[in-house]
Amino acid sequence: MTIVWEQSQFLALRYEADQRISLYIMDTFFVKVFYDPVLNEIVRHRIFVTDTLLMSHVPSQMLSQILADLL
């Protein structure tokens, strides 16, 4: 996960159940990082290349602007 912290750009954070889900962009793909604060560890991550999964993190009216600024 070090490469995510060093070479990506943070986009958004949301909370779901007992986890914090951070969204990052790296080059041509996105990374979701699932962190459990009780365990104090990353419990999983998900990599994707389409903007479909961004909708759960970023309101649709902001999505176009964020992508235009980053890509």
PDB file of N, CA and C in Angstrom:
ATOM      1  N   MET A   1       0.818  -1.205   0.000  1.00  0.00           N
ATOM      2  CA  MET A   1       0.000   0.000   0.000  1.00  0.00           C
ATOM      3  C   MET A   1       0.854   1.259   0.000  1.00  0.00           C
ATOM      4  N   THR A   2       2.128   1.109   0.248  1.00  0.00           N
ATOM      5  CA  THR A   2       3.004   2.277   0.273  1.00  0.00           C
ATOM      6  C   THR A   2       2.932   3.051  -1.036  1.00  0.00           C
ATOM      7  N   ILE A   3       2.863   2.365  -2.133  1.00  0.00           N
ATOM      8  CA  ILE A   3       2.812   3.046  -3.425  1.00  0.00           C
ATOM      9  C   ILE A   3       1.565   3.917  -3.554  1.00  0.00           C
ATOM     10  N   VAL A   4       0.469   3.492  -2.961  1.00  0.00           N
ATOM     11  CA  VAL A   4      -0.748   4.313  -2.982  1.00  0.00           C
ATOM     12  C   VAL A   4      -0.501   5.617  -2.246  1.00  0.00           C
ATOM     13  N   TRP A   5       0.094   5.554  -1.065  1.00  0.00           N
ATOM     14  CA  TRP A   5       0.322   6.762  -0.276  1.00  0.00           C
ATOM     15  C   TRP A   5       1.313   7.698  -0.983  1.00  0.00           C
ATOM     16  N   GLU A   6       2.303   7.124  -1.655  1.00  0.00           N
ATOM     17  CA  GLU A   6       3.363   7.933  -2.251  1.00  0.00           C
ATOM     18  C   GLU A   6       3.050   8.451  -3.650  1.00  0.00           C
ATOM     19  N   GLN A   7       2.261   7.718  -4.430  1.00  0.00           N
ATOM     20  CA  GLN A   7       2.113   8.070  -5.836  1.00  0.00           C
ATOM     21  C   GLN A   7       0.679   8.300  -6.292  1.00  0.00           C
ATOM     22  N   SER A   8      -0.220   8.480  -5.366  1.00  0.00           N
ATOM     23  CA  SER A   8      -1.606   8.718  -5.758  1.00  0.00           C
ATOM     24  C   SER A   8      -2.070  10.066  -5.228  1.00  0.00           C
ATOM     25  N   GLN A   9      -3.254  10.433  -5.643  1.00  0.00           N
ATOM     26  CA  GLN A   9      -3.878  11.650  -5.135  1.00  0.00           C
ATOM     27  C   GLN A   9      -5.174  11.271  -4.429  1.00  0.00           C
ATOM     28  N   PHE A  10      -5.322  11.745  -3.217  1.00  0.00           N
ATOM     29  CA  PHE A  10      -6.523  11.486  -2.431  1.00  0.00           C
ATOM     30  C   PHE A  10      -7.700  12.218  -3.059  1.00  0.00           C
ATOM     31  N   LEU A  11      -8.846  11.529  -3.168  1.00  0.00           N
ATOM     32  CA  LEU A  11     -10.049  12.138  -3.729  1.00  0.00           C
ATOM     33  C   LEU A  11     -11.158  12.347  -2.713  1.00  0.00           C
ATOM     34  N   ALA A  12     -11.434  11.330  -1.903  1.00  0.00           N
ATOM     35  CA  ALA A  12     -12.599  11.421  -1.020  1.00  0.00           C
ATOM     36  C   ALA A  12     -12.502  10.399   0.108  1.00  0.00           C
ATOM     37  N   LEU A  13     -13.300  10.670   1.136  1.00  0.00           N
ATOM     38  CA  LEU A  13     -13.392   9.772   2.287  1.00  0.00           C
ATOM     39  C   LEU A  13     -14.864   9.615   2.632  1.00  0.00           C
ATOM     40  N   ARG A  14     -15.246   8.392   2.939  1.00  0.00           N
ATOM     41  CA  ARG A  14     -16.605   8.163   3.444  1.00  0.00           C
ATOM     42  C   ARG A  14     -16.558   7.078   4.498  1.00  0.00           C
ATOM     43  N   TYR A  15     -17.616   7.026   5.283  1.00  0.00           N
ATOM     44  CA  TYR A  15     -17.716   6.043   6.355  1.00  0.00           C
ATOM     45  C   TYR A  15     -18.841   5.075   6.025  1.00  0.00           C
ATOM     46  N   GLU A  16     -18.574   3.802   6.247  1.00  0.00           N
ATOM     47  CA  GLU A  16     -19.563   2.764   5.997  1.00  0.00           C
ATOM     48  C   GLU A  16     -19.433   1.732   7.111  1.00  0.00           C
ATOM     49  N   ALA A  17     -20.506   1.550   7.849  1.00  0.00           N
ATOM     50  CA  ALA A  17     -20.485   0.651   9.014  1.00  0.00           C
ATOM     51  C   ALA A  17     -19.343   1.073   9.932  1.00  0.00           C
ATOM     52  N   ASP A  18     -18.414   0.187  10.198  1.00  0.00           N
ATOM     53  CA  ASP A  18     -17.298   0.505  11.088  1.00  0.00           C
ATOM     54  C   ASP A  18     -15.996   0.746  10.336  1.00  0.00           C
ATOM     55  N   GLN A  19     -16.094   1.070   9.054  1.00  0.00           N
ATOM     56  CA  GLN A  19     -14.886   1.266   8.257  1.00  0.00           C
ATOM     57  C   GLN A  19     -14.835   2.664   7.657  1.00  0.00           C
ATOM     58  N   ARG A  20     -13.595   3.114   7.446  1.00  0.00           N
ATOM     59  CA  ARG A  20     -13.363   4.337   6.685  1.00  0.00           C
ATOM     60  C   ARG A  20     -12.895   3.903   5.301  1.00  0.00           C
ATOM     61  N   ILE A  21     -13.517   4.456   4.286  1.00  0.00           N
ATOM     62  CA  ILE A  21     -13.162   4.097   2.913  1.00  0.00           C
ATOM     63  C   ILE A  21     -12.587   5.332   2.234  1.00  0.00           C
ATOM     64  N   SER A  22     -11.327   5.231   1.868  1.00  0.00           N
ATOM     65  CA  SER A  22     -10.640   6.328   1.196  1.00  0.00           C
ATOM     66  C   SER A  22     -10.531   6.011  -0.282  1.00  0.00           C
ATOM     67  N   LEU A  23     -10.692   7.042  -1.087  1.00  0.00           N
ATOM     68  CA  LEU A  23     -10.618   6.882  -2.533  1.00  0.00           C
ATOM     69  C   LEU A  23      -9.424   7.674  -3.054  1.00  0.00           C
ATOM     70  N   TYR A  24      -8.625   7.017  -3.894  1.00  0.00           N
ATOM     71  CA  TYR A  24      -7.432   7.623  -4.478  1.00  0.00           C
ATOM     72  C   TYR A  24      -7.442   7.415  -5.979  1.00  0.00           C
ATOM     73  N   ILE A  25      -6.732   8.293  -6.688  1.00  0.00           N
ATOM     74  CA  ILE A  25      -6.523   8.098  -8.119  1.00  0.00           C
ATOM     75  C   ILE A  25      -5.026   7.953  -8.364  1.00  0.00           C
ATOM     76  N   MET A  26      -4.696   6.965  -9.202  1.00  0.00           N
ATOM     77  CA  MET A  26      -3.307   6.720  -9.597  1.00  0.00           C
ATOM     78  C   MET A  26      -3.282   6.550 -11.110  1.00  0.00           C
ATOM     79  N   ASP A  27      -2.583   7.430 -11.772  1.00  0.00           N
ATOM     80  CA  ASP A  27      -2.473   7.346 -13.232  1.00  0.00           C
ATOM     81  C   ASP A  27      -3.845   7.142 -13.874  1.00  0.00           C
ATOM     82  N   THR A  28      -4.125   5.944 -14.351  1.00  0.00           N
ATOM     83  CA  THR A  28      -5.369   5.689 -15.081  1.00  0.00           C
ATOM     84  C   THR A  28      -6.340   4.788 -14.329  1.00  0.00           C
ATOM     85  N   PHE A  29      -6.158   4.658 -13.023  1.00  0.00           N
ATOM     86  CA  PHE A  29      -7.074   3.818 -12.261  1.00  0.00           C
ATOM     87  C   PHE A  29      -7.311   4.410 -10.875  1.00  0.00           C
ATOM     88  N   PHE A  30      -8.322   3.874 -10.195  1.00  0.00           N
ATOM     89  CA  PHE A  30      -8.717   4.331  -8.873  1.00  0.00           C
ATOM     90  C   PHE A  30      -8.469   3.222  -7.864  1.00  0.00           C
ATOM     91  N   VAL A  31      -8.256   3.601  -6.623  1.00  0.00           N
ATOM     92  CA  VAL A  31      -8.051   2.642  -5.542  1.00  0.00           C
ATOM     93  C   VAL A  31      -8.949   3.025  -4.371  1.00  0.00           C
ATOM     94  N   LYS A  32      -9.730   2.060  -3.898  1.00  0.00           N
ATOM     95  CA  LYS A  32     -10.501   2.218  -2.664  1.00  0.00           C
ATOM     96  C   LYS A  32      -9.737   1.476  -1.572  1.00  0.00           C
ATOM     97  N   VAL A  33      -9.509   2.137  -0.446  1.00  0.00           N
ATOM     98  CA  VAL A  33      -8.806   1.522   0.676  1.00  0.00           C
ATOM     99  C   VAL A  33      -9.774   1.468   1.854  1.00  0.00           C
ATOM    100  N   PHE A  34      -9.985   0.283   2.375  1.00  0.00           N
ATOM    101  CA  PHE A  34     -10.921   0.060   3.485  1.00  0.00           C
ATOM    102  C   PHE A  34     -10.118  -0.089   4.772  1.00  0.00           C
ATOM    103  N   TYR A  35     -10.333   0.834   5.703  1.00  0.00           N
ATOM    104  CA  TYR A  35      -9.582   0.855   6.960  1.00  0.00           C
ATOM    105  C   TYR A  35     -10.531   0.604   8.133  1.00  0.00           C
ATOM    106  N   ASP A  36     -10.140  -0.289   9.017  1.00  0.00           N
ATOM    107  CA  ASP A  36     -10.911  -0.587  10.224  1.00  0.00           C
ATOM    108  C   ASP A  36     -10.216   0.067  11.410  1.00  0.00           C
ATOM    109  N   PRO A  37     -10.798   1.127  11.975  1.00  0.00           N
ATOM    110  CA  PRO A  37     -10.137   1.820  13.089  1.00  0.00           C
ATOM    111  C   PRO A  37     -10.076   0.991  14.375  1.00  0.00           C
ATOM    112  N   VAL A  38     -10.977   0.049  14.560  1.00  0.00           N
ATOM    113  CA  VAL A  38     -10.935  -0.807  15.753  1.00  0.00           C
ATOM    114  C   VAL A  38      -9.719  -1.730  15.685  1.00  0.00           C
ATOM    115  N   LEU A  39      -9.496  -2.313  14.525  1.00  0.00           N
ATOM    116  CA  LEU A  39      -8.338  -3.177  14.330  1.00  0.00           C
ATOM    117  C   LEU A  39      -7.064  -2.386  14.036  1.00  0.00           C
ATOM    118  N   ASN A  40      -7.253  -1.120  13.658  1.00  0.00           N
ATOM    119  CA  ASN A  40      -6.150  -0.243  13.275  1.00  0.00           C
ATOM    120  C   ASN A  40      -5.349  -0.833  12.111  1.00  0.00           C
ATOM    121  N   GLU A  41      -6.102  -1.279  11.091  1.00  0.00           N
ATOM    122  CA  GLU A  41      -5.432  -1.845   9.927  1.00  0.00           C
ATOM    123  C   GLU A  41      -6.298  -1.732   8.683  1.00  0.00           C
ATOM    124  N   ILE A  42      -5.640  -1.795   7.553  1.00  0.00           N
ATOM    125  CA  ILE A  42      -6.336  -1.853   6.283  1.00  0.00           C
ATOM    126  C   ILE A  42      -6.842  -3.279   6.119  1.00  0.00           C
ATOM    127  N   VAL A  43      -8.137  -3.405   5.891  1.00  0.00           N
ATOM    128  CA  VAL A  43      -8.721  -4.735   5.815  1.00  0.00           C
ATOM    129  C   VAL A  43      -8.903  -5.221   4.382  1.00  0.00           C
ATOM    130  N   ARG A  44      -8.923  -4.299   3.430  1.00  0.00           N
ATOM    131  CA  ARG A  44      -8.956  -4.685   2.024  1.00  0.00           C
ATOM    132  C   ARG A  44      -8.782  -3.451   1.155  1.00  0.00           C
ATOM    133  N   HIS A  45      -8.593  -3.694  -0.124  1.00  0.00           N
ATOM    134  CA  HIS A  45      -8.545  -2.609  -1.090  1.00  0.00           C
ATOM    135  C   HIS A  45      -9.178  -3.099  -2.387  1.00  0.00           C
ATOM    136  N   ARG A  46      -9.571  -2.150  -3.193  1.00  0.00           N
ATOM    137  CA  ARG A  46     -10.211  -2.487  -4.467  1.00  0.00           C
ATOM    138  C   ARG A  46      -9.697  -1.524  -5.520  1.00  0.00           C
ATOM    139  N   ILE A  47      -9.301  -2.066  -6.653  1.00  0.00           N
ATOM    140  CA  ILE A  47      -8.792  -1.273  -7.759  1.00  0.00           C
ATOM    141  C   ILE A  47      -9.816  -1.338  -8.891  1.00  0.00           C
ATOM    142  N   PHE A  48     -10.086  -0.191  -9.510  1.00  0.00           N
ATOM    143  CA  PHE A  48     -11.011  -0.169 -10.632  1.00  0.00           C
ATOM    144  C   PHE A  48     -10.613   0.926 -11.617  1.00  0.00           C
ATOM    145  N   VAL A  49     -11.090   0.798 -12.862  1.00  0.00           N
ATOM    146  CA  VAL A  49     -10.681   1.736 -13.903  1.00  0.00           C
ATOM    147  C   VAL A  49     -11.818   2.599 -14.432  1.00  0.00           C
ATOM    148  N   THR A  50     -13.036   2.280 -14.104  1.00  0.00           N
ATOM    149  CA  THR A  50     -14.158   3.101 -14.569  1.00  0.00           C
ATOM    150  C   THR A  50     -14.632   4.012 -13.451  1.00  0.00           C
ATOM    151  N   ASP A  51     -15.337   5.054 -13.823  1.00  0.00           N
ATOM    152  CA  ASP A  51     -15.814   6.008 -12.819  1.00  0.00           C
ATOM    153  C   ASP A  51     -17.133   5.595 -12.179  1.00  0.00           C
ATOM    154  N   THR A  52     -17.683   4.438 -12.529  1.00  0.00           N
ATOM    155  CA  THR A  52     -18.961   3.975 -11.982  1.00  0.00           C
ATOM    156  C   THR A  52     -18.927   3.891 -10.460  1.00  0.00           C
ATOM    157  N   LEU A  53     -17.855   3.340  -9.893  1.00  0.00           N
ATOM    158  CA  LEU A  53     -17.769   3.186  -8.441  1.00  0.00           C
ATOM    159  C   LEU A  53     -17.493   4.497  -7.716  1.00  0.00           C
ATOM    160  N   LEU A  54     -17.174   5.533  -8.459  1.00  0.00           N
ATOM    161  CA  LEU A  54     -16.951   6.834  -7.821  1.00  0.00           C
ATOM    162  C   LEU A  54     -18.242   7.433  -7.287  1.00  0.00           C
ATOM    163  N   MET A  55     -19.358   7.056  -7.868  1.00  0.00           N
ATOM    164  CA  MET A  55     -20.636   7.647  -7.492  1.00  0.00           C
ATOM    165  C   MET A  55     -20.959   7.473  -6.013  1.00  0.00           C
ATOM    166  N   SER A  56     -20.470   6.419  -5.392  1.00  0.00           N
ATOM    167  CA  SER A  56     -20.740   6.216  -3.973  1.00  0.00           C
ATOM    168  C   SER A  56     -19.888   7.133  -3.100  1.00  0.00           C
ATOM    169  N   HIS A  57     -18.855   7.754  -3.668  1.00  0.00           N
ATOM    170  CA  HIS A  57     -17.981   8.633  -2.910  1.00  0.00           C
ATOM    171  C   HIS A  57     -18.211  10.108  -3.201  1.00  0.00           C
ATOM    172  N   VAL A  58     -18.502  10.409  -4.447  1.00  0.00           N
ATOM    173  CA  VAL A  58     -18.532  11.800  -4.887  1.00  0.00           C
ATOM    174  C   VAL A  58     -19.896  12.098  -5.502  1.00  0.00           C
ATOM    175  N   PRO A  59     -20.543  13.177  -5.057  1.00  0.00           N
ATOM    176  CA  PRO A  59     -21.817  13.549  -5.687  1.00  0.00           C
ATOM    177  C   PRO A  59     -21.639  13.745  -7.193  1.00  0.00           C
ATOM    178  N   SER A  60     -22.628  13.350  -7.962  1.00  0.00           N
ATOM    179  CA  SER A  60     -22.505  13.363  -9.420  1.00  0.00           C
ATOM    180  C   SER A  60     -22.178  14.733  -9.977  1.00  0.00           C
ATOM    181  N   GLN A  61     -22.682  15.807  -9.369  1.00  0.00           N
ATOM    182  CA  GLN A  61     -22.406  17.147  -9.880  1.00  0.00           C
ATOM    183  C   GLN A  61     -20.940  17.540  -9.712  1.00  0.00           C
ATOM    184  N   MET A  62     -20.236  16.890  -8.779  1.00  0.00           N
ATOM    185  CA  MET A  62     -18.817  17.187  -8.560  1.00  0.00           C
ATOM    186  C   MET A  62     -17.909  16.257  -9.357  1.00  0.00           C
ATOM    187  N   LEU A  63     -18.414  15.116  -9.779  1.00  0.00           N
ATOM    188  CA  LEU A  63     -17.587  14.102 -10.425  1.00  0.00           C
ATOM    189  C   LEU A  63     -16.929  14.609 -11.703  1.00  0.00           C
ATOM    190  N   SER A  64     -17.675  15.262 -12.556  1.00  0.00           N
ATOM    191  CA  SER A  64     -17.108  15.760 -13.812  1.00  0.00           C
ATOM    192  C   SER A  64     -15.964  16.729 -13.568  1.00  0.00           C
ATOM    193  N   GLN A  65     -16.124  17.622 -12.608  1.00  0.00           N
ATOM    194  CA  GLN A  65     -15.083  18.598 -12.319  1.00  0.00           C
ATOM    195  C   GLN A  65     -13.839  17.940 -11.737  1.00  0.00           C
ATOM    196  N   ILE A  66     -14.018  16.995 -10.849  1.00  0.00           N
ATOM    197  CA  ILE A  66     -12.868  16.293 -10.245  1.00  0.00           C
ATOM    198  C   ILE A  66     -12.085  15.555 -11.317  1.00  0.00           C
ATOM    199  N   LEU A  67     -12.783  14.836 -12.178  1.00  0.00           N
ATOM    200  CA  LEU A  67     -12.100  14.094 -13.238  1.00  0.00           C
ATOM    201  C   LEU A  67     -11.416  15.027 -14.219  1.00  0.00           C
ATOM    202  N   ALA A  68     -12.044  16.128 -14.540  1.00  0.00           N
ATOM    203  CA  ALA A  68     -11.427  17.091 -15.460  1.00  0.00           C
ATOM    204  C   ALA A  68     -10.162  17.686 -14.860  1.00  0.00           C
ATOM    205  N   ASP A  69     -10.173  17.945 -13.567  1.00  0.00           N
ATOM    206  CA  ASP A  69      -9.003  18.515 -12.895  1.00  0.00           C
ATOM    207  C   ASP A  69      -7.860  17.517 -12.793  1.00  0.00           C
ATOM    208  N   LEU A  70      -8.179  16.235 -12.633  1.00  0.00           N
ATOM    209  CA  LEU A  70      -7.151  15.229 -12.386  1.00  0.00           C
ATOM    210  C   LEU A  70      -6.629  14.551 -13.631  1.00  0.00           C
ATOM    211  N   LEU A  71      -7.465  14.383 -14.619  1.00  0.00           N
ATOM    212  CA  LEU A  71      -7.066  13.596 -15.793  1.00  0.00           C
ATOM    213  C   LEU A  71      -6.667  14.457 -16.942  1.00  0.00           C
TER     214      LEU A  71
END
